[in-house]
Amino acid sequence: RVPVSHNSKAVVTPTQPRVLGVSNGPQRVQRPVSHQKPVSQVSVVKSKQPADQNANPATPCSNPPQPKPVSQQNQPTTHVPSAKPPSDPAKQAKPQNKPAKTNQVAPSKTRWCLENFDIGRPLGKGKFGNVYLARERQTKFILALKVLFKNQLEKAGVEHQLRREVEIQSHLRHPNILRLYGYFHDATRVYLILEFAPKGELYGELQRCGSFPEDRSATYIMELADALHYCHIKNVIHRDIKPE
């Protein structure tokens, strides 16, 4: 193989050309540098042709091992598809567990009736009904059952007010606000399932003691203010604060 510079005349003039093979037949002339292929590609092609084994010993030996790094780079790619299938079943298993959780939560809604409770002593009387101490029969949970008469609510025209109060109180969660656990009704009455306050009304305690000391009064005022602040954050106004 004859190295050629940009001046083609200087290459042809030598009388003794460099021989690559044994015979003095026609030899290949190397292309200019601008038209040559990369060395790595030439070495790969020559390694597949046994006729080019009589290469010039002056050429560097670092070119033939270049295909080996190429084969080593291809090895990790063969293992990448095998690593993906184990992760795919794991991803498919997650959606299968989600419906199981939703099925367990769905039957949690219960429909109450009067037969679910044991009615005890009366706790107080109101304008539209009475409040009784009650116990849920299955869990033995103590609560207050408020009974309102529908005919009295209709005469006063406060059905919409009752619906609004039930909707508001059922969404309030504060330690100083009585919980509304649920409600149900029959043909003549509406029942509200309320949290039981064992010590009764503040008005009865005030009548019994006559007056409260400052630290006890401060405790009541702090709890009342905290509850009202929570209601105001929820855009709820009480408008009927009283010791009763």
C-alpha atoms as a PDB file:
ATOM      1  CA  ARG A   1       0.000   0.000   0.000  1.00  0.00           C
ATOM      2  CA  VAL A   2       1.554   3.294  -1.118  1.00  0.00           C
ATOM      3  CA  PRO A   3       1.011   6.411   1.005  1.00  0.00           C
ATOM      4  CA  VAL A   4      -0.083   9.313  -1.155  1.00  0.00           C
ATOM      5  CA  SER A   5       0.190  13.005  -0.369  1.00  0.00           C
ATOM      6  CA  HIS A   6      -1.813  15.784  -1.981  1.00  0.00           C
ATOM      7  CA  ASN A   7       0.797  15.962  -4.806  1.00  0.00           C
ATOM      8  CA  SER A   8       0.020  12.929  -6.975  1.00  0.00           C
ATOM      9  CA  LYS A   9       3.172  13.375  -9.165  1.00  0.00           C
ATOM     10  CA  ALA A  10       5.499  12.828  -6.202  1.00  0.00           C
ATOM     11  CA  VAL A  11       3.915   9.450  -5.581  1.00  0.00           C
ATOM     12  CA  VAL A  12       4.175   8.040  -9.111  1.00  0.00           C
ATOM     13  CA  THR A  13       7.791   9.089  -9.747  1.00  0.00           C
ATOM     14  CA  PRO A  14       9.548   6.573  -7.395  1.00  0.00           C
ATOM     15  CA  THR A  15      11.030   3.685  -9.376  1.00  0.00           C
ATOM     16  CA  GLN A  16      10.782   1.137  -6.548  1.00  0.00           C
ATOM     17  CA  PRO A  17       7.233   1.038  -5.134  1.00  0.00           C
ATOM     18  CA  ARG A  18       6.546  -0.517  -1.714  1.00  0.00           C
ATOM     19  CA  VAL A  19       5.143  -4.010  -2.124  1.00  0.00           C
ATOM     20  CA  LEU A  20       2.363  -5.302   0.121  1.00  0.00           C
ATOM     21  CA  GLY A  21       2.229  -8.848  -1.188  1.00  0.00           C
ATOM     22  CA  VAL A  22       4.689 -11.306  -2.668  1.00  0.00           C
ATOM     23  CA  SER A  23       3.979 -10.515  -6.310  1.00  0.00           C
ATOM     24  CA  ASN A  24       4.818  -7.274  -8.079  1.00  0.00           C
ATOM     25  CA  GLY A  25       1.350  -7.039  -9.626  1.00  0.00           C
ATOM     26  CA  PRO A  26      -0.871  -3.973  -9.536  1.00  0.00           C
ATOM     27  CA  GLN A  27      -1.065  -2.568  -6.043  1.00  0.00           C
ATOM     28  CA  ARG A  28      -3.749  -0.496  -4.311  1.00  0.00           C
ATOM     29  CA  VAL A  29      -3.033   3.159  -3.951  1.00  0.00           C
ATOM     30  CA  GLN A  30      -4.130   4.747  -0.682  1.00  0.00           C
ATOM     31  CA  ARG A  31      -6.746   7.441  -0.964  1.00  0.00           C
ATOM     32  CA  PRO A  32      -6.117  10.942   0.283  1.00  0.00           C
ATOM     33  CA  VAL A  33      -6.754  11.608   3.930  1.00  0.00           C
ATOM     34  CA  SER A  34      -9.922  13.544   3.201  1.00  0.00           C
ATOM     35  CA  HIS A  35     -11.448  10.509   1.384  1.00  0.00           C
ATOM     36  CA  GLN A  36     -10.281   7.794   3.752  1.00  0.00           C
ATOM     37  CA  LYS A  37     -12.685   5.764   5.895  1.00  0.00           C
ATOM     38  CA  PRO A  38     -12.138   5.587   9.642  1.00  0.00           C
ATOM     39  CA  VAL A  39      -9.408   3.178  10.697  1.00  0.00           C
ATOM     40  CA  SER A  40     -11.765   1.211  12.932  1.00  0.00           C
ATOM     41  CA  GLN A  41     -14.083   0.416  10.008  1.00  0.00           C
ATOM     42  CA  VAL A  42     -11.211  -0.646   7.742  1.00  0.00           C
ATOM     43  CA  SER A  43      -9.785  -2.966  10.376  1.00  0.00           C
ATOM     44  CA  VAL A  44     -13.160  -4.649  10.869  1.00  0.00           C
ATOM     45  CA  VAL A  45     -13.513  -5.339   7.146  1.00  0.00           C
ATOM     46  CA  LYS A  46      -9.969  -6.691   6.832  1.00  0.00           C
ATOM     47  CA  SER A  47     -10.448  -9.096   9.722  1.00  0.00           C
ATOM     48  CA  LYS A  48     -13.192 -10.894   7.786  1.00  0.00           C
ATOM     49  CA  GLN A  49     -11.122 -11.357   4.586  1.00  0.00           C
ATOM     50  CA  PRO A  50      -8.407 -14.037   4.818  1.00  0.00           C
ATOM     51  CA  ALA A  51      -6.737 -12.713   1.653  1.00  0.00           C
ATOM     52  CA  ASP A  52      -5.439  -9.633   3.512  1.00  0.00           C
ATOM     53  CA  GLN A  53      -3.385 -11.567   6.039  1.00  0.00           C
ATOM     54  CA  ASN A  54      -0.124 -10.369   4.382  1.00  0.00           C
ATOM     55  CA  ALA A  55      -0.563  -6.870   5.711  1.00  0.00           C
ATOM     56  CA  ASN A  56       2.296  -4.489   6.179  1.00  0.00           C
ATOM     57  CA  PRO A  57       4.023  -5.298   9.485  1.00  0.00           C
ATOM     58  CA  ALA A  58       4.713  -1.618   9.963  1.00  0.00           C
ATOM     59  CA  THR A  59       1.022  -0.918  10.600  1.00  0.00           C
ATOM     60  CA  PRO A  60       0.150  -0.628  14.307  1.00  0.00           C
ATOM     61  CA  CYS A  61      -1.346  -3.694  16.018  1.00  0.00           C
ATOM     62  CA  SER A  62      -3.797  -1.722  18.109  1.00  0.00           C
ATOM     63  CA  ASN A  63      -6.398  -1.615  15.315  1.00  0.00           C
ATOM     64  CA  PRO A  64      -7.420  -5.315  15.225  1.00  0.00           C
ATOM     65  CA  PRO A  65      -8.478  -5.465  18.908  1.00  0.00           C
ATOM     66  CA  GLN A  66     -10.907  -2.598  18.342  1.00  0.00           C
ATOM     67  CA  PRO A  67     -13.835  -4.881  17.441  1.00  0.00           C
ATOM     68  CA  LYS A  68     -13.578  -6.466  20.929  1.00  0.00           C
ATOM     69  CA  PRO A  69     -14.694  -3.347  22.787  1.00  0.00           C
ATOM     70  CA  VAL A  70     -17.593  -3.149  20.361  1.00  0.00           C
ATOM     71  CA  SER A  71     -18.643  -6.688  21.280  1.00  0.00           C
ATOM     72  CA  GLN A  72     -18.235  -5.893  24.973  1.00  0.00           C
ATOM     73  CA  GLN A  73     -20.458  -2.869  24.626  1.00  0.00           C
ATOM     74  CA  ASN A  74     -23.117  -5.022  23.032  1.00  0.00           C
ATOM     75  CA  GLN A  75     -23.125  -7.499  25.908  1.00  0.00           C
ATOM     76  CA  PRO A  76     -24.967  -5.276  28.417  1.00  0.00           C
ATOM     77  CA  THR A  77     -27.638  -4.551  25.820  1.00  0.00           C
ATOM     78  CA  THR A  78     -28.458  -8.242  25.599  1.00  0.00           C
ATOM     79  CA  HIS A  79     -29.150  -8.367  29.349  1.00  0.00           C
ATOM     80  CA  VAL A  80     -31.373  -5.269  29.468  1.00  0.00           C
ATOM     81  CA  PRO A  81     -34.483  -6.950  28.002  1.00  0.00           C
ATOM     82  CA  SER A  82     -34.141  -9.850  30.430  1.00  0.00           C
ATOM     83  CA  ALA A  83     -34.206  -7.471  33.412  1.00  0.00           C
ATOM     84  CA  LYS A  84     -37.471  -5.763  32.387  1.00  0.00           C
ATOM     85  CA  PRO A  85     -39.919  -8.705  32.549  1.00  0.00           C
ATOM     86  CA  PRO A  86     -39.558  -9.214  36.337  1.00  0.00           C
ATOM     87  CA  SER A  87     -40.519  -5.565  36.927  1.00  0.00           C
ATOM     88  CA  ASP A  88     -43.591  -5.742  34.674  1.00  0.00           C
ATOM     89  CA  PRO A  89     -45.477  -8.322  36.790  1.00  0.00           C
ATOM     90  CA  ALA A  90     -44.738  -6.246  39.871  1.00  0.00           C
ATOM     91  CA  LYS A  91     -46.319  -3.212  38.242  1.00  0.00           C
ATOM     92  CA  GLN A  92     -49.303  -5.253  37.162  1.00  0.00           C
ATOM     93  CA  ALA A  93     -49.757  -6.611  40.680  1.00  0.00           C
ATOM     94  CA  LYS A  94     -50.267  -3.165  42.216  1.00  0.00           C
ATOM     95  CA  PRO A  95     -53.515  -2.331  40.384  1.00  0.00           C
ATOM     96  CA  GLN A  96     -54.880  -5.720  41.398  1.00  0.00           C
ATOM     97  CA  ASN A  97     -54.587  -4.822  45.081  1.00  0.00           C
ATOM     98  CA  LYS A  98     -56.382  -1.471  44.783  1.00  0.00           C
ATOM     99  CA  PRO A  99     -59.847  -2.830  43.941  1.00  0.00           C
ATOM    100  CA  ALA A 100     -59.635  -5.124  46.964  1.00  0.00           C
ATOM    101  CA  LYS A 101     -59.280  -2.089  49.255  1.00  0.00           C
ATOM    102  CA  THR A 102     -62.194  -0.267  47.675  1.00  0.00           C
ATOM    103  CA  ASN A 103     -64.399  -3.309  48.075  1.00  0.00           C
ATOM    104  CA  GLN A 104     -63.678  -3.401  51.790  1.00  0.00           C
ATOM    105  CA  VAL A 105     -64.502   0.258  52.344  1.00  0.00           C
ATOM    106  CA  ALA A 106     -67.718   0.312  50.306  1.00  0.00           C
ATOM    107  CA  PRO A 107     -69.884  -1.820  52.673  1.00  0.00           C
ATOM    108  CA  SER A 108     -69.008   0.418  55.662  1.00  0.00           C
ATOM    109  CA  LYS A 109     -72.134   2.603  55.188  1.00  0.00           C
ATOM    110  CA  THR A 110     -74.861   1.579  57.632  1.00  0.00           C
ATOM    111  CA  ARG A 111     -78.516   2.604  57.772  1.00  0.00           C
ATOM    112  CA  TRP A 112     -79.670   3.284  61.304  1.00  0.00           C
ATOM    113  CA  CYS A 113     -83.068   2.592  62.801  1.00  0.00           C
ATOM    114  CA  LEU A 114     -84.582   2.859  66.275  1.00  0.00           C
ATOM    115  CA  GLU A 115     -84.108  -0.873  66.919  1.00  0.00           C
ATOM    116  CA  ASN A 116     -80.311  -0.378  66.900  1.00  0.00           C
ATOM    117  CA  PHE A 117     -80.423   1.524  70.226  1.00  0.00           C
ATOM    118  CA  ASP A 118     -81.407   0.987  73.833  1.00  0.00           C
ATOM    119  CA  ILE A 119     -83.139   4.172  75.027  1.00  0.00           C
ATOM    120  CA  GLY A 120     -82.329   5.394  78.545  1.00  0.00           C
ATOM    121  CA  ARG A 121     -83.227   8.364  80.707  1.00  0.00           C
ATOM    122  CA  PRO A 122     -84.049  11.796  79.256  1.00  0.00           C
ATOM    123  CA  LEU A 123     -81.193  14.306  79.206  1.00  0.00           C
ATOM    124  CA  GLY A 124     -83.090  17.446  78.262  1.00  0.00           C
ATOM    125  CA  LYS A 125     -86.050  18.972  76.491  1.00  0.00           C
ATOM    126  CA  GLY A 126     -86.072  21.336  73.570  1.00  0.00           C
ATOM    127  CA  LYS A 127     -88.555  23.357  71.558  1.00  0.00           C
ATOM    128  CA  PHE A 128     -89.032  20.674  68.913  1.00  0.00           C
ATOM    129  CA  GLY A 129     -88.244  17.482  70.822  1.00  0.00           C
ATOM    130  CA  ASN A 130     -86.306  15.692  73.561  1.00  0.00           C
ATOM    131  CA  VAL A 131     -82.806  14.295  74.118  1.00  0.00           C
ATOM    132  CA  TYR A 132     -82.311  10.809  75.578  1.00  0.00           C
ATOM    133  CA  LEU A 133     -79.370   8.791  76.787  1.00  0.00           C
ATOM    134  CA  ALA A 134     -78.949   5.797  74.485  1.00  0.00           C
ATOM    135  CA  ARG A 135     -76.620   2.880  73.812  1.00  0.00           C
ATOM    136  CA  GLU A 136     -75.879   1.217  70.522  1.00  0.00           C
ATOM    137  CA  ARG A 137     -76.707  -2.462  70.941  1.00  0.00           C
ATOM    138  CA  GLN A 138     -73.899  -4.014  68.919  1.00  0.00           C
ATOM    139  CA  THR A 139     -70.927  -1.946  70.138  1.00  0.00           C
ATOM    140  CA  LYS A 140     -72.380  -0.855  73.538  1.00  0.00           C
ATOM    141  CA  PHE A 141     -71.381   2.710  72.686  1.00  0.00           C
ATOM    142  CA  ILE A 142     -72.982   5.407  74.862  1.00  0.00           C
ATOM    143  CA  LEU A 143     -74.426   8.394  73.020  1.00  0.00           C
ATOM    144  CA  ALA A 144     -77.189  10.992  73.067  1.00  0.00           C
ATOM    145  CA  LEU A 145     -80.237  10.496  70.864  1.00  0.00           C
ATOM    146  CA  LYS A 146     -82.101  13.675  69.979  1.00  0.00           C
ATOM    147  CA  VAL A 147     -85.708  13.131  68.882  1.00  0.00           C
ATOM    148  CA  LEU A 148     -87.469  15.856  66.864  1.00  0.00           C
ATOM    149  CA  PHE A 149     -91.129  15.763  65.859  1.00  0.00           C
ATOM    150  CA  LYS A 150     -91.834  16.457  62.210  1.00  0.00           C
ATOM    151  CA  ASN A 151     -95.211  18.137  62.766  1.00  0.00           C
ATOM    152  CA  GLN A 152     -93.645  20.722  65.075  1.00  0.00           C
ATOM    153  CA  LEU A 153     -90.848  21.366  62.578  1.00  0.00           C
ATOM    154  CA  GLU A 154     -93.392  21.879  59.807  1.00  0.00           C
ATOM    155  CA  LYS A 155     -95.507  24.275  61.891  1.00  0.00           C
ATOM    156  CA  ALA A 156     -92.464  26.411  62.674  1.00  0.00           C
ATOM    157  CA  GLY A 157     -91.238  26.184  59.080  1.00  0.00           C
ATOM    158  CA  VAL A 158     -87.700  25.219  60.098  1.00  0.00           C
ATOM    159  CA  GLU A 159     -87.233  22.057  58.025  1.00  0.00           C
ATOM    160  CA  HIS A 160     -84.594  23.777  55.893  1.00  0.00           C
ATOM    161  CA  GLN A 161     -82.826  24.999  59.032  1.00  0.00           C
ATOM    162  CA  LEU A 162     -82.668  21.458  60.402  1.00  0.00           C
ATOM    163  CA  ARG A 163     -81.213  20.140  57.151  1.00  0.00           C
ATOM    164  CA  ARG A 164     -78.591  22.876  57.171  1.00  0.00           C
ATOM    165  CA  GLU A 165     -77.612  22.252  60.806  1.00  0.00           C
ATOM    166  CA  VAL A 166     -77.328  18.502  60.204  1.00  0.00           C
ATOM    167  CA  GLU A 167     -75.158  19.037  57.140  1.00  0.00           C
ATOM    168  CA  ILE A 168     -72.902  21.529  58.933  1.00  0.00           C
ATOM    169  CA  GLN A 169     -72.482  19.641  62.196  1.00  0.00           C
ATOM    170  CA  SER A 170     -71.757  16.330  60.477  1.00  0.00           C
ATOM    171  CA  HIS A 171     -68.644  17.874  58.877  1.00  0.00           C
ATOM    172  CA  LEU A 172     -67.205  19.505  62.019  1.00  0.00           C
ATOM    173  CA  ARG A 173     -64.336  17.745  63.821  1.00  0.00           C
ATOM    174  CA  HIS A 174     -63.229  19.569  66.979  1.00  0.00           C
ATOM    175  CA  PRO A 175     -62.742  18.375  70.581  1.00  0.00           C
ATOM    176  CA  ASN A 176     -64.993  21.163  71.929  1.00  0.00           C
ATOM    177  CA  ILE A 177     -67.850  20.653  69.460  1.00  0.00           C
ATOM    178  CA  LEU A 178     -70.357  17.841  69.923  1.00  0.00           C
ATOM    179  CA  ARG A 179     -70.062  15.258  67.174  1.00  0.00           C
ATOM    180  CA  LEU A 180     -73.005  14.308  65.010  1.00  0.00           C
ATOM    181  CA  TYR A 181     -72.448  10.639  64.180  1.00  0.00           C
ATOM    182  CA  GLY A 182     -75.506  10.232  61.984  1.00  0.00           C
ATOM    183  CA  TYR A 183     -79.262  10.608  61.648  1.00  0.00           C
ATOM    184  CA  PHE A 184     -82.356   8.719  60.545  1.00  0.00           C
ATOM    185  CA  HIS A 185     -86.120   9.306  60.526  1.00  0.00           C
ATOM    186  CA  ASP A 186     -89.454   7.556  60.409  1.00  0.00           C
ATOM    187  CA  ALA A 187     -92.988   8.706  59.611  1.00  0.00           C
ATOM    188  CA  THR A 188     -93.323  11.137  62.530  1.00  0.00           C
ATOM    189  CA  ARG A 189     -89.862  11.818  63.991  1.00  0.00           C
ATOM    190  CA  VAL A 190     -86.280  12.707  63.111  1.00  0.00           C
ATOM    191  CA  TYR A 191     -83.447  11.163  65.155  1.00  0.00           C
ATOM    192  CA  LEU A 192     -80.017  12.743  65.574  1.00  0.00           C
ATOM    193  CA  ILE A 193     -77.173  10.548  66.899  1.00  0.00           C
ATOM    194  CA  LEU A 194     -75.014  12.909  68.979  1.00  0.00           C
ATOM    195  CA  GLU A 195     -71.936  12.690  71.171  1.00  0.00           C
ATOM    196  CA  PHE A 196     -72.792  12.290  74.853  1.00  0.00           C
ATOM    197  CA  ALA A 197     -71.572  15.016  77.269  1.00  0.00           C
ATOM    198  CA  PRO A 198     -71.676  13.263  80.683  1.00  0.00           C
ATOM    199  CA  LYS A 199     -71.460  16.452  82.768  1.00  0.00           C
ATOM    200  CA  GLY A 200     -74.464  18.070  81.144  1.00  0.00           C
ATOM    201  CA  GLU A 201     -74.982  21.733  80.356  1.00  0.00           C
ATOM    202  CA  LEU A 202     -72.830  24.588  81.554  1.00  0.00           C
ATOM    203  CA  TYR A 203     -75.932  26.377  82.773  1.00  0.00           C
ATOM    204  CA  GLY A 204     -76.744  23.646  85.306  1.00  0.00           C
ATOM    205  CA  GLU A 205     -73.152  23.635  86.576  1.00  0.00           C
ATOM    206  CA  LEU A 206     -73.218  27.401  86.948  1.00  0.00           C
ATOM    207  CA  GLN A 207     -76.444  27.241  88.958  1.00  0.00           C
ATOM    208  CA  ARG A 208     -74.962  24.618  91.242  1.00  0.00           C
ATOM    209  CA  CYS A 209     -71.700  26.502  91.902  1.00  0.00           C
ATOM    210  CA  GLY A 210     -73.080  30.042  91.805  1.00  0.00           C
ATOM    211  CA  SER A 211     -69.883  31.344  90.191  1.00  0.00           C
ATOM    212  CA  PHE A 212     -66.673  29.972  88.716  1.00  0.00           C
ATOM    213  CA  PRO A 213     -63.130  30.890  89.749  1.00  0.00           C
ATOM    214  CA  GLU A 214     -61.030  32.802  87.265  1.00  0.00           C
ATOM    215  CA  ASP A 215     -58.905  29.847  86.159  1.00  0.00           C
ATOM    216  CA  ARG A 216     -61.984  27.709  85.460  1.00  0.00           C
ATOM    217  CA  SER A 217     -63.687  30.568  83.644  1.00  0.00           C
ATOM    218  CA  ALA A 218     -60.524  31.117  81.607  1.00  0.00           C
ATOM    219  CA  THR A 219     -60.536  27.426  80.617  1.00  0.00           C
ATOM    220  CA  TYR A 220     -64.134  27.604  79.402  1.00  0.00           C
ATOM    221  CA  ILE A 221     -63.528  30.842  77.495  1.00  0.00           C
ATOM    222  CA  MET A 222     -60.378  29.459  75.858  1.00  0.00           C
ATOM    223  CA  GLU A 223     -62.150  26.264  74.721  1.00  0.00           C
ATOM    224  CA  LEU A 224     -65.156  28.246  73.499  1.00  0.00           C
ATOM    225  CA  ALA A 225     -62.978  30.690  71.564  1.00  0.00           C
ATOM    226  CA  ASP A 226     -61.002  27.815  70.020  1.00  0.00           C
ATOM    227  CA  ALA A 227     -64.206  26.115  68.884  1.00  0.00           C
ATOM    228  CA  LEU A 228     -65.608  29.336  67.413  1.00  0.00           C
ATOM    229  CA  HIS A 229     -62.328  30.035  65.628  1.00  0.00           C
ATOM    230  CA  TYR A 230     -62.503  26.571  64.062  1.00  0.00           C
ATOM    231  CA  CYS A 231     -66.094  27.215  62.950  1.00  0.00           C
ATOM    232  CA  HIS A 232     -65.143  30.543  61.398  1.00  0.00           C
ATOM    233  CA  ILE A 233     -62.336  28.874  59.445  1.00  0.00           C
ATOM    234  CA  LYS A 234     -65.002  26.525  58.065  1.00  0.00           C
ATOM    235  CA  ASN A 235     -67.222  29.541  57.232  1.00  0.00           C
ATOM    236  CA  VAL A 236     -69.732  28.561  59.932  1.00  0.00           C
ATOM    237  CA  ILE A 237     -71.372  31.098  62.279  1.00  0.00           C
ATOM    238  CA  HIS A 238     -73.045  29.850  65.475  1.00  0.00           C
ATOM    239  CA  ARG A 239     -75.187  32.926  66.375  1.00  0.00           C
ATOM    240  CA  ASP A 240     -76.656  31.297  69.498  1.00  0.00           C
ATOM    241  CA  ILE A 241     -73.938  31.032  72.172  1.00  0.00           C
ATOM    242  CA  LYS A 242     -75.455  30.603  75.661  1.00  0.00           C
ATOM    243  CA  PRO A 243     -74.757  28.533  78.828  1.00  0.00           C
ATOM    244  CA  GLU A 244     -77.706  26.262  78.014  1.00  0.00           C
END
